[in-house]
Amino acid sequence: MNFLYCLDENYNTQAIMSLYTLNNVIDGTVNIFIAHNNIASIKKQISQFNLDKLNINYLNISNDIELPNLKNEHVTEATYYRIFALSKLNESLDHIVYIDSDIIFNKNPLHSFNSLKNKLFSSEFEISANTIGKYQSGNKELDKYFDYLEINDKYFNAGVIMYDLSKYRKNKLDQKLKSHLLNFNKEAKYWDQDILNVYFNGQYLELPETLNNNVVTENENINIEEELEKITMHFAGRTKPWHVEGLKYPVGCYFQKIYRSIFDDEYFISPYNKRRHFREIKNFLRDRKSYCINNQMTFLIKSTFLLFKL
């Protein structure tokens, strides 16, 4: 099985957590391809861990075209790397599974991915992805956005996508997607996810939800034990479990628990931006008891220090 991660230094820690949990749950060896604009940074960090079931390969990636909707956003061009990275893969590969860096593995995914791969190969489709919205399903706001994007079927989350690379090459999808990206003239609210959905417009094989299980950090009533019965956890929502605000919620508490089990560190904090991070620190000071933080002084010092790095 072949997996692809696309990221920059902002997501090095999350990617290592994903790789570490994958290595822990699988029962065989898999190929990992990491597309990164600074390979040395991620390679140095990965070398500190024994990921013996992962055959890791690095793809240097760069971009020289203007990308949609990056101005005044917290995202970087890395969010578009999955569109460029496939052309850098060896032509001997017949499939690849793109994995978002903020996905951790609870259970072995290999049997499910292999079954899905066989279905994809025998289907008419080039990709498999998990639907998170359907046109004319009773949600007027969603329908309005579908109309704006000119999507008339369904919409997938791009956190996990399986590609049939034989069809991908045969149909020259690399050139078509780059052309589609260059000519995309709408406001992409969800960046490359929107662009991919507009291109495929519902023409994809359904990916089981357990392989891309979106959990919303702000969900106070989530049952973590139930989520752990699924193969993956994909951290969704505006608040992430590595934001100060995230440590108010069960998902954030669980994420930090996993982080501590991997790294020799108590908390991982990676702010959204300076203004929001400052507001979240103030909220923490007003209501410290609501956060799953044992050493609050250490946490406060670490969070405050990050303000001066933003």
Foldseek 3Di string as FASTA:
>chain_A
DAEEEFDEPLLLLLLLQALVQQLVAADAAYEYEYEYQCVVVSVVVNVVDCSPRYNYHYHHDDDDDDFADPPPALDDCSVVVVLVCVVVDDPVDQKYKYAYSNKHFLHHCVVQVVVVVVVQVPDPFFKEFAFDFFAPPPDPVVNVVCVQLVQHTTAGDVRIMMGRVVVCVVVVVSVVLVVLRNPDDDHDPPGVSSSVCSVCRPRHHYRDCLVVPEDELPPQPDDVVVNSVGGMYHYDDPDGLQALVSQLHPVVVVVQVSSVVPDVDRGHHNHSDLVVLVVSLVVCVVCVVSGPDDPVVVVSVVSVVVSVVD
